[in-house]
Structure formats: C-alpha cells, structure tokens
PDB file of all heavy atoms in Angstrom:
ATOM      1  N   GLY A   1      -8.670  -4.137 -10.195  1.00  0.00           N
ATOM      2  CA  GLY A   1      -9.009  -2.780  -9.954  1.00  0.00           C
ATOM      3  C   GLY A   1      -8.253  -2.122  -8.779  1.00  0.00           C
ATOM      4  O   GLY A   1      -8.656  -1.087  -8.291  1.00  0.00           O
ATOM      5  N   GLU A   2      -7.140  -2.763  -8.395  1.00  0.00           N
ATOM      6  CA  GLU A   2      -6.366  -2.190  -7.261  1.00  0.00           C
ATOM      7  C   GLU A   2      -4.908  -1.891  -7.665  1.00  0.00           C
ATOM      8  O   GLU A   2      -3.991  -1.939  -6.845  1.00  0.00           O
ATOM      9  CB  GLU A   2      -6.393  -3.148  -6.074  1.00  0.00           C
ATOM     10  CG  GLU A   2      -7.837  -3.391  -5.539  1.00  0.00           C
ATOM     11  CD  GLU A   2      -7.854  -4.295  -4.344  1.00  0.00           C
ATOM     12  OE1 GLU A   2      -6.980  -4.107  -3.427  1.00  0.00           O
ATOM     13  OE2 GLU A   2      -8.696  -5.156  -4.258  1.00  0.00           O
ATOM     14  N   GLN A   3      -4.749  -1.568  -8.927  1.00  0.00           N
ATOM     15  CA  GLN A   3      -3.422  -1.224  -9.476  1.00  0.00           C
ATOM     16  C   GLN A   3      -2.345  -2.262  -9.166  1.00  0.00           C
ATOM     17  O   GLN A   3      -1.177  -1.943  -8.871  1.00  0.00           O
ATOM     18  CB  GLN A   3      -2.983   0.192  -8.945  1.00  0.00           C
ATOM     19  CG  GLN A   3      -3.725   1.332  -9.499  1.00  0.00           C
ATOM     20  CD  GLN A   3      -5.110   1.485  -8.868  1.00  0.00           C
ATOM     21  OE1 GLN A   3      -5.251   1.451  -7.648  1.00  0.00           O
ATOM     22  NE2 GLN A   3      -6.161   1.571  -9.698  1.00  0.00           N
ATOM     23  N   ASN A   4      -2.777  -3.519  -9.153  1.00  0.00           N
ATOM     24  CA  ASN A   4      -1.855  -4.642  -8.918  1.00  0.00           C
ATOM     25  C   ASN A   4      -1.250  -4.654  -7.508  1.00  0.00           C
ATOM     26  O   ASN A   4      -0.250  -5.331  -7.291  1.00  0.00           O
ATOM     27  CB  ASN A   4      -0.689  -4.630  -9.971  1.00  0.00           C
ATOM     28  CG  ASN A   4      -0.185  -6.053 -10.287  1.00  0.00           C
ATOM     29  OD1 ASN A   4      -0.924  -6.995 -10.332  1.00  0.00           O
ATOM     30  ND2 ASN A   4       1.133  -6.143 -10.461  1.00  0.00           N
ATOM     31  N   ARG A   5      -1.922  -3.976  -6.615  1.00  0.00           N
ATOM     32  CA  ARG A   5      -1.387  -3.958  -5.221  1.00  0.00           C
ATOM     33  C   ARG A   5      -1.894  -5.166  -4.430  1.00  0.00           C
ATOM     34  O   ARG A   5      -1.284  -5.528  -3.395  1.00  0.00           O
ATOM     35  CB  ARG A   5      -1.863  -2.671  -4.510  1.00  0.00           C
ATOM     36  CG  ARG A   5      -1.267  -1.390  -5.054  1.00  0.00           C
ATOM     37  CD  ARG A   5      -1.537  -0.240  -4.104  1.00  0.00           C
ATOM     38  NE  ARG A   5      -2.967  -0.044  -3.934  1.00  0.00           N
ATOM     39  CZ  ARG A   5      -3.730   0.788  -4.592  1.00  0.00           C
ATOM     40  NH1 ARG A   5      -3.190   1.514  -5.558  1.00  0.00           N
ATOM     41  NH2 ARG A   5      -5.040   0.896  -4.404  1.00  0.00           N
ATOM     42  N   ASP A   6      -3.001  -5.776  -4.831  1.00  0.00           N
ATOM     43  CA  ASP A   6      -3.555  -6.870  -4.069  1.00  0.00           C
ATOM     44  C   ASP A   6      -2.800  -8.196  -4.417  1.00  0.00           C
ATOM     45  O   ASP A   6      -2.127  -8.270  -5.419  1.00  0.00           O
ATOM     46  CB  ASP A   6      -5.033  -7.030  -4.379  1.00  0.00           C
ATOM     47  CG  ASP A   6      -5.291  -7.368  -5.846  1.00  0.00           C
ATOM     48  OD1 ASP A   6      -4.770  -6.609  -6.733  1.00  0.00           O
ATOM     49  OD2 ASP A   6      -5.964  -8.368  -6.138  1.00  0.00           O
ATOM     50  N   GLY A   7      -2.989  -9.187  -3.569  1.00  0.00           N
ATOM     51  CA  GLY A   7      -2.360 -10.461  -3.792  1.00  0.00           C
ATOM     52  C   GLY A   7      -0.911 -10.476  -3.314  1.00  0.00           C
ATOM     53  O   GLY A   7      -0.271  -9.455  -3.156  1.00  0.00           O
ATOM     54  N   HIS A   8      -0.427 -11.685  -3.122  1.00  0.00           N
ATOM     55  CA  HIS A   8       0.963 -11.852  -2.654  1.00  0.00           C
ATOM     56  C   HIS A   8       1.957 -11.450  -3.731  1.00  0.00           C
ATOM     57  O   HIS A   8       1.759 -11.707  -4.902  1.00  0.00           O
ATOM     58  CB  HIS A   8       1.242 -13.300  -2.211  1.00  0.00           C
ATOM     59  CG  HIS A   8       0.432 -13.723  -0.991  1.00  0.00           C
ATOM     60  ND1 HIS A   8       0.686 -13.198   0.221  1.00  0.00           N
ATOM     61  CD2 HIS A   8      -0.549 -14.622  -0.878  1.00  0.00           C
ATOM     62  CE1 HIS A   8      -0.134 -13.733   1.106  1.00  0.00           C
ATOM     63  NE2 HIS A   8      -0.916 -14.588   0.464  1.00  0.00           N
ATOM     64  N   ASN A   9       3.051 -10.839  -3.301  1.00  0.00           N
ATOM     65  CA  ASN A   9       4.101 -10.493  -4.225  1.00  0.00           C
ATOM     66  C   ASN A   9       5.130 -11.609  -4.415  1.00  0.00           C
ATOM     67  O   ASN A   9       5.749 -11.706  -5.486  1.00  0.00           O
ATOM     68  CB  ASN A   9       4.856  -9.219  -3.712  1.00  0.00           C
ATOM     69  CG  ASN A   9       3.943  -8.006  -3.806  1.00  0.00           C
ATOM     70  OD1 ASN A   9       3.263  -7.808  -4.770  1.00  0.00           O
ATOM     71  ND2 ASN A   9       3.971  -7.178  -2.753  1.00  0.00           N
ATOM     72  N   ASP A  10       5.322 -12.427  -3.419  1.00  0.00           N
ATOM     73  CA  ASP A  10       6.262 -13.536  -3.525  1.00  0.00           C
ATOM     74  C   ASP A  10       5.535 -14.821  -3.787  1.00  0.00           C
ATOM     75  O   ASP A  10       4.967 -15.433  -2.883  1.00  0.00           O
ATOM     76  CB  ASP A  10       7.076 -13.641  -2.239  1.00  0.00           C
ATOM     77  CG  ASP A  10       8.198 -14.671  -2.361  1.00  0.00           C
ATOM     78  OD1 ASP A  10       8.432 -15.158  -3.495  1.00  0.00           O
ATOM     79  OD2 ASP A  10       8.847 -14.998  -1.332  1.00  0.00           O
ATOM     80  N   ASN A  11       5.520 -15.260  -5.021  1.00  0.00           N
ATOM     81  CA  ASN A  11       4.701 -16.415  -5.424  1.00  0.00           C
ATOM     82  C   ASN A  11       5.563 -17.701  -5.575  1.00  0.00           C
ATOM     83  O   ASN A  11       5.034 -18.757  -5.884  1.00  0.00           O
ATOM     84  CB  ASN A  11       3.997 -16.134  -6.730  1.00  0.00           C
ATOM     85  CG  ASN A  11       3.005 -14.988  -6.588  1.00  0.00           C
ATOM     86  OD1 ASN A  11       1.891 -15.244  -6.072  1.00  0.00           O
ATOM     87  ND2 ASN A  11       3.378 -13.837  -7.017  1.00  0.00           N
ATOM     88  N   LEU A  12       6.902 -17.578  -5.386  1.00  0.00           N
ATOM     89  CA  LEU A  12       7.781 -18.728  -5.597  1.00  0.00           C
ATOM     90  C   LEU A  12       7.497 -19.403  -6.957  1.00  0.00           C
ATOM     91  O   LEU A  12       7.404 -20.569  -7.074  1.00  0.00           O
ATOM     92  CB  LEU A  12       7.610 -19.757  -4.466  1.00  0.00           C
ATOM     93  CG  LEU A  12       7.869 -19.218  -3.063  1.00  0.00           C
ATOM     94  CD1 LEU A  12       7.549 -20.252  -2.013  1.00  0.00           C
ATOM     95  CD2 LEU A  12       9.306 -18.782  -2.917  1.00  0.00           C
ATOM     96  N   SER A  13       7.332 -18.542  -7.973  1.00  0.00           N
ATOM     97  CA  SER A  13       7.054 -18.976  -9.306  1.00  0.00           C
ATOM     98  C   SER A  13       8.153 -18.587 -10.258  1.00  0.00           C
ATOM     99  O   SER A  13       9.086 -17.860  -9.928  1.00  0.00           O
ATOM    100  CB  SER A  13       5.681 -18.346  -9.752  1.00  0.00           C
ATOM    101  OG  SER A  13       5.801 -16.913  -9.752  1.00  0.00           O
ATOM    102  N   TRP A  14       8.053 -19.117 -11.481  1.00  0.00           N
ATOM    103  CA  TRP A  14       9.054 -18.823 -12.494  1.00  0.00           C
ATOM    104  C   TRP A  14       8.362 -18.902 -13.863  1.00  0.00           C
ATOM    105  O   TRP A  14       7.255 -19.441 -13.962  1.00  0.00           O
ATOM    106  CB  TRP A  14      10.191 -19.829 -12.403  1.00  0.00           C
ATOM    107  CG  TRP A  14       9.837 -21.272 -12.555  1.00  0.00           C
ATOM    108  CD1 TRP A  14       9.915 -22.043 -13.661  1.00  0.00           C
ATOM    109  CD2 TRP A  14       9.311 -22.136 -11.507  1.00  0.00           C
ATOM    110  NE1 TRP A  14       9.470 -23.337 -13.419  1.00  0.00           N
ATOM    111  CE2 TRP A  14       9.104 -23.423 -12.078  1.00  0.00           C
ATOM    112  CE3 TRP A  14       8.971 -21.950 -10.196  1.00  0.00           C
ATOM    113  CZ2 TRP A  14       8.561 -24.498 -11.386  1.00  0.00           C
ATOM    114  CZ3 TRP A  14       8.451 -23.023  -9.470  1.00  0.00           C
ATOM    115  CH2 TRP A  14       8.249 -24.267 -10.047  1.00  0.00           C
ATOM    116  N   ASN A  15       9.005 -18.415 -14.913  1.00  0.00           N
ATOM    117  CA  ASN A  15       8.325 -18.328 -16.203  1.00  0.00           C
ATOM    118  C   ASN A  15       8.971 -19.073 -17.337  1.00  0.00           C
ATOM    119  O   ASN A  15       8.537 -19.038 -18.452  1.00  0.00           O
ATOM    120  CB  ASN A  15       8.146 -16.857 -16.581  1.00  0.00           C
ATOM    121  CG  ASN A  15       9.435 -16.122 -16.788  1.00  0.00           C
ATOM    122  OD1 ASN A  15      10.486 -16.732 -17.012  1.00  0.00           O
ATOM    123  ND2 ASN A  15       9.409 -14.794 -16.699  1.00  0.00           N
ATOM    124  N   ASN A  16      10.077 -19.790 -17.024  1.00  0.00           N
ATOM    125  CA  ASN A  16      10.819 -20.576 -18.060  1.00  0.00           C
ATOM    126  C   ASN A  16      11.263 -19.682 -19.210  1.00  0.00           C
ATOM    127  O   ASN A  16      11.333 -20.146 -20.403  1.00  0.00           O
ATOM    128  CB  ASN A  16       9.929 -21.724 -18.548  1.00  0.00           C
ATOM    129  CG  ASN A  16       9.991 -22.913 -17.648  1.00  0.00           C
ATOM    130  OD1 ASN A  16      10.986 -23.629 -17.621  1.00  0.00           O
ATOM    131  ND2 ASN A  16       8.905 -23.110 -16.891  1.00  0.00           N
ATOM    132  N   GLY A  17      11.601 -18.455 -18.927  1.00  0.00           N
ATOM    133  CA  GLY A  17      12.246 -17.599 -19.915  1.00  0.00           C
ATOM    134  C   GLY A  17      11.359 -16.562 -20.583  1.00  0.00           C
ATOM    135  O   GLY A  17      11.903 -15.591 -21.126  1.00  0.00           O
ATOM    136  N   VAL A  18      10.052 -16.694 -20.519  1.00  0.00           N
ATOM    137  CA  VAL A  18       9.141 -15.735 -21.106  1.00  0.00           C
ATOM    138  C   VAL A  18       8.001 -15.506 -20.130  1.00  0.00           C
ATOM    139  O   VAL A  18       7.424 -16.472 -19.604  1.00  0.00           O
ATOM    140  CB  VAL A  18       8.547 -16.279 -22.442  1.00  0.00           C
ATOM    141  CG1 VAL A  18       7.572 -15.284 -23.052  1.00  0.00           C
ATOM    142  CG2 VAL A  18       9.685 -16.559 -23.430  1.00  0.00           C
ATOM    143  N   GLU A  19       7.653 -14.263 -19.898  1.00  0.00           N
ATOM    144  CA  GLU A  19       6.581 -13.955 -18.943  1.00  0.00           C
ATOM    145  C   GLU A  19       5.258 -14.069 -19.668  1.00  0.00           C
ATOM    146  O   GLU A  19       4.951 -13.367 -20.627  1.00  0.00           O
ATOM    147  CB  GLU A  19       6.732 -12.491 -18.410  1.00  0.00           C
ATOM    148  CG  GLU A  19       5.739 -12.150 -17.350  1.00  0.00           C
ATOM    149  CD  GLU A  19       5.982 -12.777 -16.035  1.00  0.00           C
ATOM    150  OE1 GLU A  19       6.969 -13.562 -15.886  1.00  0.00           O
ATOM    151  OE2 GLU A  19       5.188 -12.535 -15.073  1.00  0.00           O
ATOM    152  N   GLY A  20       4.486 -15.050 -19.219  1.00  0.00           N
ATOM    153  CA  GLY A  20       3.099 -15.233 -19.735  1.00  0.00           C
ATOM    154  C   GLY A  20       3.049 -16.044 -21.004  1.00  0.00           C
ATOM    155  O   GLY A  20       3.917 -16.878 -21.305  1.00  0.00           O
ATOM    156  N   GLU A  21       1.983 -15.766 -21.788  1.00  0.00           N
ATOM    157  CA  GLU A  21       1.713 -16.557 -22.990  1.00  0.00           C
ATOM    158  C   GLU A  21       2.828 -16.444 -24.013  1.00  0.00           C
ATOM    159  O   GLU A  21       3.403 -15.364 -24.210  1.00  0.00           O
ATOM    160  CB  GLU A  21       0.344 -16.126 -23.590  1.00  0.00           C
ATOM    161  CG  GLU A  21      -0.820 -16.422 -22.655  1.00  0.00           C
ATOM    162  CD  GLU A  21      -2.181 -15.921 -23.262  1.00  0.00           C
ATOM    163  OE1 GLU A  21      -2.123 -14.837 -23.867  1.00  0.00           O
ATOM    164  OE2 GLU A  21      -3.185 -16.623 -23.119  1.00  0.00           O
ATOM    165  N   THR A  22       3.033 -17.519 -24.734  1.00  0.00           N
ATOM    166  CA  THR A  22       4.084 -17.549 -25.769  1.00  0.00           C
ATOM    167  C   THR A  22       3.805 -18.609 -26.762  1.00  0.00           C
ATOM    168  O   THR A  22       3.126 -19.642 -26.472  1.00  0.00           O
ATOM    169  CB  THR A  22       5.470 -17.766 -25.126  1.00  0.00           C
ATOM    170  OG1 THR A  22       6.469 -17.821 -26.136  1.00  0.00           O
ATOM    171  CG2 THR A  22       5.521 -19.088 -24.382  1.00  0.00           C
ATOM    172  N   ASP A  23       4.284 -18.431 -27.988  1.00  0.00           N
ATOM    173  CA  ASP A  23       4.207 -19.436 -29.022  1.00  0.00           C
ATOM    174  C   ASP A  23       5.479 -20.281 -29.156  1.00  0.00           C
ATOM    175  O   ASP A  23       5.598 -21.163 -30.029  1.00  0.00           O
ATOM    176  CB  ASP A  23       3.916 -18.784 -30.379  1.00  0.00           C
ATOM    177  CG  ASP A  23       2.564 -18.103 -30.424  1.00  0.00           C
ATOM    178  OD1 ASP A  23       1.631 -18.608 -29.753  1.00  0.00           O
ATOM    179  OD2 ASP A  23       2.406 -17.073 -31.158  1.00  0.00           O
ATOM    180  N   ASP A  24       6.423 -19.991 -28.289  1.00  0.00           N
ATOM    181  CA  ASP A  24       7.709 -20.684 -28.293  1.00  0.00           C
ATOM    182  C   ASP A  24       7.483 -22.163 -27.843  1.00  0.00           C
ATOM    183  O   ASP A  24       7.105 -22.383 -26.696  1.00  0.00           O
ATOM    184  CB  ASP A  24       8.706 -19.963 -27.370  1.00  0.00           C
ATOM    185  CG  ASP A  24      10.114 -20.517 -27.526  1.00  0.00           C
ATOM    186  OD1 ASP A  24      10.272 -21.755 -27.499  1.00  0.00           O
ATOM    187  OD2 ASP A  24      11.027 -19.693 -27.625  1.00  0.00           O
ATOM    188  N   THR A  25       7.733 -23.104 -28.703  1.00  0.00           N
ATOM    189  CA  THR A  25       7.443 -24.502 -28.404  1.00  0.00           C
ATOM    190  C   THR A  25       8.396 -25.063 -27.325  1.00  0.00           C
ATOM    191  O   THR A  25       8.004 -25.907 -26.521  1.00  0.00           O
ATOM    192  CB  THR A  25       7.543 -25.342 -29.668  1.00  0.00           C
ATOM    193  OG1 THR A  25       8.830 -25.177 -30.296  1.00  0.00           O
ATOM    194  CG2 THR A  25       6.455 -24.984 -30.691  1.00  0.00           C
ATOM    195  N   ALA A  26       9.608 -24.559 -27.320  1.00  0.00           N
ATOM    196  CA  ALA A  26      10.558 -25.016 -26.299  1.00  0.00           C
ATOM    197  C   ALA A  26      10.131 -24.542 -24.929  1.00  0.00           C
ATOM    198  O   ALA A  26      10.192 -25.317 -23.959  1.00  0.00           O
ATOM    199  CB  ALA A  26      11.937 -24.488 -26.646  1.00  0.00           C
ATOM    200  N   VAL A  27       9.647 -23.315 -24.793  1.00  0.00           N
ATOM    201  CA  VAL A  27       9.145 -22.858 -23.537  1.00  0.00           C
ATOM    202  C   VAL A  27       7.906 -23.594 -23.103  1.00  0.00           C
ATOM    203  O   VAL A  27       7.776 -23.996 -21.925  1.00  0.00           O
ATOM    204  CB  VAL A  27       8.878 -21.325 -23.591  1.00  0.00           C
ATOM    205  CG1 VAL A  27       8.165 -20.801 -22.342  1.00  0.00           C
ATOM    206  CG2 VAL A  27      10.151 -20.550 -23.888  1.00  0.00           C
ATOM    207  N   ALA A  28       7.039 -23.829 -24.058  1.00  0.00           N
ATOM    208  CA  ALA A  28       5.821 -24.602 -23.771  1.00  0.00           C
ATOM    209  C   ALA A  28       6.136 -26.015 -23.281  1.00  0.00           C
ATOM    210  O   ALA A  28       5.511 -26.549 -22.326  1.00  0.00           O
ATOM    211  CB  ALA A  28       4.918 -24.683 -25.013  1.00  0.00           C
ATOM    212  N   LYS A  29       7.112 -26.658 -23.902  1.00  0.00           N
ATOM    213  CA  LYS A  29       7.522 -27.984 -23.459  1.00  0.00           C
ATOM    214  C   LYS A  29       8.124 -27.941 -22.049  1.00  0.00           C
ATOM    215  O   LYS A  29       7.798 -28.818 -21.218  1.00  0.00           O
ATOM    216  CB  LYS A  29       8.558 -28.554 -24.459  1.00  0.00           C
ATOM    217  CG  LYS A  29       9.125 -29.907 -24.093  1.00  0.00           C
ATOM    218  CD  LYS A  29       8.061 -30.975 -24.024  1.00  0.00           C
ATOM    219  CE  LYS A  29       8.663 -32.323 -23.778  1.00  0.00           C
ATOM    220  NZ  LYS A  29       7.616 -33.398 -23.606  1.00  0.00           N
TER     221      LYS A  29
END
C-alpha cells in the first residue's frame, strides 16, 4: 500500500533471466 516505496531498493538479488514466476525449466533449474 505504499506504491512500492517501502523496503530496500538494493537487494543484491538476481532473477536468472526472468523476473518472478516462470514455467521455463532451465530457469527453474
């Protein structure tokens, strides 16, 4: 409810090529 302003912006994270949920088995692996 804060227009995505809350929480840290730098999460030192990565998505392996697809942002979020995916059915791509290679990404899942």
